[in-house]
Each structure stands twice: as structure tokens, then as C-alpha cells.
């Protein structure tokens, strides 16, 4: 299933929104730890879109954004931790402790 992804960022925090038509389907929230580290702290599927791929779309959008900005991702939300660990194409973006 494909979703439209929208993005907002105010240089301190940001969100990726997934929509199916006009219906909100999910969101991913993050904050900038500094100019090279993004903390993903919240992900959620909305309006019955659980288990329909919305989370993967949001993770892919976040990964592409981090790669474009040459940043590392610190995934704090349990979903983001699991999703990024299973997506090998983003392994180089995950900040290791």
C-alpha cells in the first residue's frame, strides 16, 4: 500500500506524516540532538492503518532525510529501533552507543 508522505521541520524538531487520500495514516516525530544527530522518539499508525505498511513508509522517509542531511539517527521509539535494525540499507545511519 502506498501513502503520501508530508514533512515538517523547524530546525529543532520535525514530523513525517503519512496520508491515504485525506485520511491521516501515521506519523513519526523527531528532534534534532545537534546538527548531525536526529532522535526518533515517536511513531504511530492512525485510523486503522496498523500492519498496512505505513510504518515502513515513514521509516524509509526518515532514512532518506537523514542520508540527505548526512546525519545519524538515534531511534528511541520501540518501533523505530526494530524497523531500522531490520532495514539493512539504513544500517550506516544508526548511531551506535
Protein backbone atom coordinates (compact mmCIF):
# COMPACT_ATOMS: atom_id res chain seq x y z
CA UNK A 1 0.00 0.00 0.00
CA UNK A 2 1.37 3.42 -0.86
CA UNK A 3 0.99 6.53 1.24
CA UNK A 4 1.56 10.21 0.62
CA UNK A 5 4.32 11.45 2.94
CA UNK A 6 4.48 15.03 4.16
CA UNK A 7 7.32 16.51 6.21
CA UNK A 8 7.65 19.45 8.57
CA UNK A 9 10.90 20.58 10.20
CA UNK A 10 11.63 23.75 12.15
CA UNK A 11 15.36 23.01 12.74
CA UNK A 12 14.63 21.88 16.32
CA UNK A 13 12.04 19.17 15.74
CA UNK A 14 10.05 17.66 12.96
CA UNK A 15 7.43 15.16 11.85
CA UNK A 16 6.74 12.93 8.91
CA UNK A 17 3.03 12.42 8.22
CA UNK A 18 1.60 9.59 6.14
CA UNK A 19 -1.78 10.04 4.48
CA UNK A 20 -4.04 7.92 2.34
CA UNK A 21 -6.03 10.46 0.39
CA UNK A 22 -7.09 12.97 3.00
CA UNK A 23 -7.05 10.45 5.86
CA UNK A 24 -4.08 10.61 8.27
CA UNK A 25 -2.47 7.16 8.37
CA UNK A 26 0.59 7.60 10.59
CA UNK A 27 3.29 9.84 11.96
CA UNK A 28 6.93 9.80 13.01
CA UNK A 29 8.26 12.51 15.35
CA UNK A 30 11.87 13.50 15.89
CA UNK A 31 14.07 16.14 17.47
CA UNK A 32 17.49 17.37 16.44
CA UNK A 33 20.04 16.41 19.11
CA UNK A 34 22.62 18.53 17.28
CA UNK A 35 23.35 19.31 13.64
CA UNK A 36 24.41 15.70 12.90
CA UNK A 37 22.08 13.58 15.09
CA UNK A 38 18.33 13.06 14.86
CA UNK A 39 16.41 11.39 17.70
CA UNK A 40 13.34 9.48 16.52
CA UNK A 41 11.14 9.33 19.62
CA UNK A 42 7.61 8.53 18.43
CA UNK A 43 5.92 6.53 15.68
CA UNK A 44 2.25 5.69 15.37
CA UNK A 45 -0.18 4.24 12.85
CA UNK A 46 -3.53 6.05 12.83
CA UNK A 47 -7.12 5.39 11.78
CA UNK A 48 -6.86 1.63 11.43
CA UNK A 49 -3.72 1.61 9.28
CA UNK A 50 -1.85 -0.73 11.65
CA UNK A 51 0.02 -3.53 9.86
CA UNK A 52 -0.53 -1.96 6.42
CA UNK A 53 2.99 -0.67 5.78
CA UNK A 54 2.60 2.89 6.99
CA UNK A 55 5.44 2.48 9.50
CA UNK A 56 7.80 1.23 6.80
CA UNK A 57 6.96 4.24 4.62
CA UNK A 58 7.70 6.61 7.49
CA UNK A 59 10.98 4.85 8.36
CA UNK A 60 12.06 4.99 4.71
CA UNK A 61 11.25 8.72 4.57
CA UNK A 62 13.24 9.33 7.76
CA UNK A 63 16.17 7.30 6.44
CA UNK A 64 16.22 9.20 3.15
CA UNK A 65 16.03 12.53 5.02
CA UNK A 66 18.91 11.59 7.36
CA UNK A 67 21.02 10.42 4.42
CA UNK A 68 20.33 13.66 2.54
CA UNK A 69 21.33 15.71 5.59
CA UNK A 70 24.37 13.46 6.30
CA UNK A 71 23.05 12.74 9.81
CA UNK A 72 22.95 9.80 12.17
CA UNK A 73 19.67 8.51 13.61
CA UNK A 74 19.18 7.69 17.28
CA UNK A 75 15.99 5.59 17.37
CA UNK A 76 14.31 5.77 20.79
CA UNK A 77 10.82 4.60 19.89
CA UNK A 78 10.50 0.84 20.09
CA UNK A 79 9.08 0.63 16.57
CA UNK A 80 11.87 2.75 15.09
CA UNK A 81 14.53 0.65 16.84
CA UNK A 82 13.07 -2.56 15.45
CA UNK A 83 12.38 -1.18 11.97
CA UNK A 84 15.81 0.38 11.47
CA UNK A 85 17.52 -2.79 12.71
CA UNK A 86 15.69 -4.78 10.01
CA UNK A 87 16.40 -2.36 7.18
CA UNK A 88 19.99 -3.02 6.16
CA UNK A 89 20.05 -0.09 3.74
CA UNK A 90 19.98 2.27 6.73
CA UNK A 91 22.49 0.45 8.96
CA UNK A 92 25.14 3.11 8.31
CA UNK A 93 22.78 5.84 9.58
CA UNK A 94 22.12 4.34 13.02
CA UNK A 95 24.17 5.84 15.81
CA UNK A 96 25.81 3.08 17.79
CA UNK A 97 26.32 3.58 21.51
